[in-house]
Amino acid sequence: MRWLIWGWCLLLLLGSPSLPAIAAIHHYPEGGDREMIRSLQSLRDARDQSWQVIFYERRQGSDRIASRLRLVGFPAVRLSRQTPLIVEQTGRQLSLPNVTDQDTQLSANVAEFDSETLLPLLDRITPLRLQLDNEVMLTVPPFMVKEWAAIGHE
């Protein structure tokens, strides 16, 4: 009997498919047929400073209204409201326009970028490197790139 139980446990462990990872993608209704879809993750830079990295899209029906990437620095970081965000992926580099000034409610530790031109890079599930000024360098791991791609292709 004991062997039967052990055999059953082994079968469950080795033979069962792994559970899917829980995505950090959330949908927020904004009224009418408008919706915001976002992924929020925390990262640390090379100086061990904590950051929230938020990729989101606003949609009306099936139309994309805006695609944004928001960086929030902790504790009490002051971010430029003019400097673009440089994004690099396996030798390809692009510059995301800083649109922080379009939202006057954002505090000094927040910067927001138009990420529309980033969407084609998300087809490759390889890390992204984000650089803001010469001070901030973040590496976005493949699982986050995959989440962003899912939002961009929904």
C-alpha atoms as a PDB file:
ATOM      1  CA  MET A   1       0.000   0.000   0.000  1.00  0.00           C
ATOM      2  CA  ARG A   2       2.820   2.386   0.900  1.00  0.00           C
ATOM      3  CA  TRP A   3       4.420   1.845  -2.528  1.00  0.00           C
ATOM      4  CA  LEU A   4       1.148   2.648  -4.214  1.00  0.00           C
ATOM      5  CA  ILE A   5       0.898   5.986  -2.378  1.00  0.00           C
ATOM      6  CA  TRP A   6       4.532   6.862  -3.168  1.00  0.00           C
ATOM      7  CA  GLY A   7       4.021   5.881  -6.806  1.00  0.00           C
ATOM      8  CA  TRP A   8       0.909   8.032  -7.033  1.00  0.00           C
ATOM      9  CA  CYS A   9       2.760  11.028  -5.510  1.00  0.00           C
ATOM     10  CA  LEU A  10       5.656  10.570  -7.931  1.00  0.00           C
ATOM     11  CA  LEU A  11       3.261  10.398 -10.859  1.00  0.00           C
ATOM     12  CA  LEU A  12       1.589  13.617  -9.742  1.00  0.00           C
ATOM     13  CA  LEU A  13       4.912  15.404  -9.359  1.00  0.00           C
ATOM     14  CA  LEU A  14       6.468  14.252 -12.623  1.00  0.00           C
ATOM     15  CA  GLY A  15       3.467  13.713 -14.815  1.00  0.00           C
ATOM     16  CA  SER A  16       1.365  16.769 -14.150  1.00  0.00           C
ATOM     17  CA  PRO A  17       1.780  19.855 -16.293  1.00  0.00           C
ATOM     18  CA  SER A  18       3.182  22.887 -14.547  1.00  0.00           C
ATOM     19  CA  LEU A  19       0.770  25.577 -13.513  1.00  0.00           C
ATOM     20  CA  PRO A  20       0.814  28.725 -15.634  1.00  0.00           C
ATOM     21  CA  ALA A  21       2.445  31.796 -14.130  1.00  0.00           C
ATOM     22  CA  ILE A  22       0.044  34.426 -12.884  1.00  0.00           C
ATOM     23  CA  ALA A  23       0.416  37.514 -15.027  1.00  0.00           C
ATOM     24  CA  ALA A  24       0.524  40.942 -13.487  1.00  0.00           C
ATOM     25  CA  ILE A  25      -1.772  42.345 -16.173  1.00  0.00           C
ATOM     26  CA  HIS A  26      -4.834  44.145 -14.883  1.00  0.00           C
ATOM     27  CA  HIS A  27      -7.840  45.696 -16.628  1.00  0.00           C
ATOM     28  CA  TYR A  28      -9.438  48.853 -15.243  1.00  0.00           C
ATOM     29  CA  PRO A  29     -12.703  50.232 -16.679  1.00  0.00           C
ATOM     30  CA  GLU A  30     -12.631  54.013 -17.048  1.00  0.00           C
ATOM     31  CA  GLY A  31     -16.225  54.608 -18.039  1.00  0.00           C
ATOM     32  CA  GLY A  32     -18.200  53.836 -21.147  1.00  0.00           C
ATOM     33  CA  ASP A  33     -16.166  51.606 -23.420  1.00  0.00           C
ATOM     34  CA  ARG A  34     -12.844  53.069 -22.212  1.00  0.00           C
ATOM     35  CA  GLU A  35     -10.388  50.830 -20.403  1.00  0.00           C
ATOM     36  CA  MET A  36      -6.842  50.913 -19.066  1.00  0.00           C
ATOM     37  CA  ILE A  37      -4.748  47.735 -19.235  1.00  0.00           C
ATOM     38  CA  ARG A  38      -1.510  47.707 -17.249  1.00  0.00           C
ATOM     39  CA  SER A  39       1.425  45.707 -16.016  1.00  0.00           C
ATOM     40  CA  LEU A  40       3.178  46.888 -12.848  1.00  0.00           C
ATOM     41  CA  GLN A  41       6.448  45.409 -11.609  1.00  0.00           C
ATOM     42  CA  SER A  42       9.194  46.489  -9.223  1.00  0.00           C
ATOM     43  CA  LEU A  43      12.845  46.542 -10.275  1.00  0.00           C
ATOM     44  CA  ARG A  44      16.133  47.649  -8.747  1.00  0.00           C
ATOM     45  CA  ASP A  45      18.823  49.568 -10.592  1.00  0.00           C
ATOM     46  CA  ALA A  46      22.601  49.050 -10.356  1.00  0.00           C
ATOM     47  CA  ARG A  47      22.712  51.245  -7.230  1.00  0.00           C
ATOM     48  CA  ASP A  48      20.035  49.060  -5.592  1.00  0.00           C
ATOM     49  CA  GLN A  49      17.452  51.828  -5.850  1.00  0.00           C
ATOM     50  CA  SER A  50      13.848  50.652  -6.042  1.00  0.00           C
ATOM     51  CA  TRP A  51      11.660  51.448  -9.070  1.00  0.00           C
ATOM     52  CA  GLN A  52       8.131  50.732 -10.162  1.00  0.00           C
ATOM     53  CA  VAL A  53       7.890  50.142 -13.894  1.00  0.00           C
ATOM     54  CA  ILE A  54       4.385  50.446 -15.298  1.00  0.00           C
ATOM     55  CA  PHE A  55       3.495  49.672 -18.896  1.00  0.00           C
ATOM     56  CA  TYR A  56      -0.073  50.568 -19.782  1.00  0.00           C
ATOM     57  CA  GLU A  57      -2.446  51.233 -22.628  1.00  0.00           C
ATOM     58  CA  ARG A  58      -5.665  53.165 -22.720  1.00  0.00           C
ATOM     59  CA  ARG A  59      -8.275  51.878 -25.127  1.00  0.00           C
ATOM     60  CA  GLN A  60     -11.650  52.901 -26.355  1.00  0.00           C
ATOM     61  CA  GLY A  61     -13.377  49.814 -27.647  1.00  0.00           C
ATOM     62  CA  SER A  62     -10.718  48.018 -29.680  1.00  0.00           C
ATOM     63  CA  ASP A  63      -8.808  51.226 -30.528  1.00  0.00           C
ATOM     64  CA  ARG A  64      -5.569  52.061 -28.729  1.00  0.00           C
ATOM     65  CA  ILE A  65      -5.715  55.658 -27.458  1.00  0.00           C
ATOM     66  CA  ALA A  66      -2.309  55.736 -25.787  1.00  0.00           C
ATOM     67  CA  SER A  67       0.575  53.432 -24.959  1.00  0.00           C
ATOM     68  CA  ARG A  68       2.762  54.581 -22.047  1.00  0.00           C
ATOM     69  CA  LEU A  69       5.710  53.494 -19.943  1.00  0.00           C
ATOM     70  CA  ARG A  70       5.889  55.068 -16.495  1.00  0.00           C
ATOM     71  CA  LEU A  71       8.886  54.982 -14.136  1.00  0.00           C
ATOM     72  CA  VAL A  72       8.454  55.741 -10.447  1.00  0.00           C
ATOM     73  CA  GLY A  73      11.628  56.164  -8.397  1.00  0.00           C
ATOM     74  CA  PHE A  74      11.873  55.546  -4.664  1.00  0.00           C
ATOM     75  CA  PRO A  75      12.700  57.085  -2.272  1.00  0.00           C
ATOM     76  CA  ALA A  76      12.127  60.701  -3.295  1.00  0.00           C
ATOM     77  CA  VAL A  77      13.956  60.658  -6.631  1.00  0.00           C
ATOM     78  CA  ARG A  78      13.554  63.717  -8.859  1.00  0.00           C
ATOM     79  CA  LEU A  79      13.187  62.764 -12.514  1.00  0.00           C
ATOM     80  CA  SER A  80      13.601  64.931 -15.584  1.00  0.00           C
ATOM     81  CA  ARG A  81      10.431  66.000 -17.352  1.00  0.00           C
ATOM     82  CA  GLN A  82      12.218  66.560 -20.669  1.00  0.00           C
ATOM     83  CA  THR A  83      14.786  63.768 -21.055  1.00  0.00           C
ATOM     84  CA  PRO A  84      13.707  60.933 -23.363  1.00  0.00           C
ATOM     85  CA  LEU A  85      14.035  57.318 -22.287  1.00  0.00           C
ATOM     86  CA  ILE A  86      16.621  55.302 -24.223  1.00  0.00           C
ATOM     87  CA  VAL A  87      15.554  51.693 -24.772  1.00  0.00           C
ATOM     88  CA  GLU A  88      18.042  49.104 -25.971  1.00  0.00           C
ATOM     89  CA  GLN A  89      17.484  45.508 -27.012  1.00  0.00           C
ATOM     90  CA  THR A  90      20.251  43.348 -28.493  1.00  0.00           C
ATOM     91  CA  GLY A  91      21.952  46.208 -30.312  1.00  0.00           C
ATOM     92  CA  ARG A  92      18.782  48.043 -31.369  1.00  0.00           C
ATOM     93  CA  GLN A  93      18.185  51.381 -29.706  1.00  0.00           C
ATOM     94  CA  LEU A  94      15.291  53.804 -29.714  1.00  0.00           C
ATOM     95  CA  SER A  95      14.278  56.917 -27.854  1.00  0.00           C
ATOM     96  CA  LEU A  96      10.858  57.218 -26.203  1.00  0.00           C
ATOM     97  CA  PRO A  97       9.555  60.799 -25.941  1.00  0.00           C
ATOM     98  CA  ASN A  98       9.067  62.120 -22.421  1.00  0.00           C
ATOM     99  CA  VAL A  99       5.383  63.046 -22.006  1.00  0.00           C
ATOM    100  CA  THR A 100       5.447  63.627 -18.240  1.00  0.00           C
ATOM    101  CA  ASP A 101       4.300  67.240 -18.606  1.00  0.00           C
ATOM    102  CA  GLN A 102       1.032  66.081 -20.204  1.00  0.00           C
ATOM    103  CA  ASP A 103      -0.149  64.940 -16.764  1.00  0.00           C
ATOM    104  CA  THR A 104       0.236  67.776 -14.260  1.00  0.00           C
ATOM    105  CA  GLN A 105      -0.716  65.497 -11.369  1.00  0.00           C
ATOM    106  CA  LEU A 106       2.456  63.401 -11.622  1.00  0.00           C
ATOM    107  CA  SER A 107       4.897  63.989  -8.776  1.00  0.00           C
ATOM    108  CA  ALA A 108       8.617  64.735  -9.177  1.00  0.00           C
ATOM    109  CA  ASN A 109       9.620  61.076  -8.733  1.00  0.00           C
ATOM    110  CA  VAL A 110       7.559  59.992 -11.771  1.00  0.00           C
ATOM    111  CA  ALA A 111       8.430  60.130 -15.464  1.00  0.00           C
ATOM    112  CA  GLU A 112       6.169  58.959 -18.272  1.00  0.00           C
ATOM    113  CA  PHE A 113       7.054  58.109 -21.862  1.00  0.00           C
ATOM    114  CA  ASP A 114       5.138  57.511 -25.086  1.00  0.00           C
ATOM    115  CA  SER A 115       5.791  53.815 -25.732  1.00  0.00           C
ATOM    116  CA  GLU A 116       4.067  53.479 -29.110  1.00  0.00           C
ATOM    117  CA  THR A 117       7.419  53.027 -30.912  1.00  0.00           C
ATOM    118  CA  LEU A 118       8.415  50.368 -28.357  1.00  0.00           C
ATOM    119  CA  LEU A 119       5.694  47.925 -29.434  1.00  0.00           C
ATOM    120  CA  PRO A 120       7.668  46.335 -32.348  1.00  0.00           C
ATOM    121  CA  LEU A 121      10.565  45.516 -29.977  1.00  0.00           C
ATOM    122  CA  LEU A 122       8.199  43.537 -27.773  1.00  0.00           C
ATOM    123  CA  ASP A 123       7.899  40.802 -30.407  1.00  0.00           C
ATOM    124  CA  ARG A 124      11.280  39.486 -29.224  1.00  0.00           C
ATOM    125  CA  ILE A 125      11.169  38.143 -25.694  1.00  0.00           C
ATOM    126  CA  THR A 126      14.661  39.292 -24.753  1.00  0.00           C
ATOM    127  CA  PRO A 127      15.662  41.724 -22.000  1.00  0.00           C
ATOM    128  CA  LEU A 128      15.342  45.460 -22.518  1.00  0.00           C
ATOM    129  CA  ARG A 129      17.684  48.030 -21.028  1.00  0.00           C
ATOM    130  CA  LEU A 130      16.117  51.360 -20.025  1.00  0.00           C
ATOM    131  CA  GLN A 131      18.321  54.416 -19.548  1.00  0.00           C
ATOM    132  CA  LEU A 132      17.121  57.765 -18.234  1.00  0.00           C
ATOM    133  CA  ASP A 133      19.779  60.464 -17.923  1.00  0.00           C
ATOM    134  CA  ASN A 134      23.170  58.985 -17.100  1.00  0.00           C
ATOM    135  CA  GLU A 135      22.026  58.062 -13.615  1.00  0.00           C
ATOM    136  CA  VAL A 136      19.261  55.517 -14.129  1.00  0.00           C
ATOM    137  CA  MET A 137      19.808  52.145 -15.834  1.00  0.00           C
ATOM    138  CA  LEU A 138      17.198  49.407 -15.492  1.00  0.00           C
ATOM    139  CA  THR A 139      17.112  45.945 -17.034  1.00  0.00           C
ATOM    140  CA  VAL A 140      13.652  44.673 -17.928  1.00  0.00           C
ATOM    141  CA  PRO A 141      13.646  40.853 -17.726  1.00  0.00           C
ATOM    142  CA  PRO A 142      12.027  38.684 -20.430  1.00  0.00           C
ATOM    143  CA  PHE A 143       8.927  37.868 -18.352  1.00  0.00           C
ATOM    144  CA  MET A 144       8.093  41.608 -18.192  1.00  0.00           C
ATOM    145  CA  VAL A 145       8.702  42.041 -21.931  1.00  0.00           C
ATOM    146  CA  LYS A 146       6.278  39.160 -22.462  1.00  0.00           C
ATOM    147  CA  GLU A 147       3.634  40.880 -20.306  1.00  0.00           C
ATOM    148  CA  TRP A 148       4.080  44.132 -22.226  1.00  0.00           C
ATOM    149  CA  ALA A 149       3.775  42.264 -25.534  1.00  0.00           C
ATOM    150  CA  ALA A 150       0.539  40.661 -24.313  1.00  0.00           C
ATOM    151  CA  ILE A 151      -0.891  44.103 -23.556  1.00  0.00           C
ATOM    152  CA  GLY A 152       0.288  45.503 -26.895  1.00  0.00           C
ATOM    153  CA  HIS A 153      -1.287  42.641 -28.842  1.00  0.00           C
ATOM    154  CA  GLU A 154      -4.585  42.280 -26.942  1.00  0.00           C
END
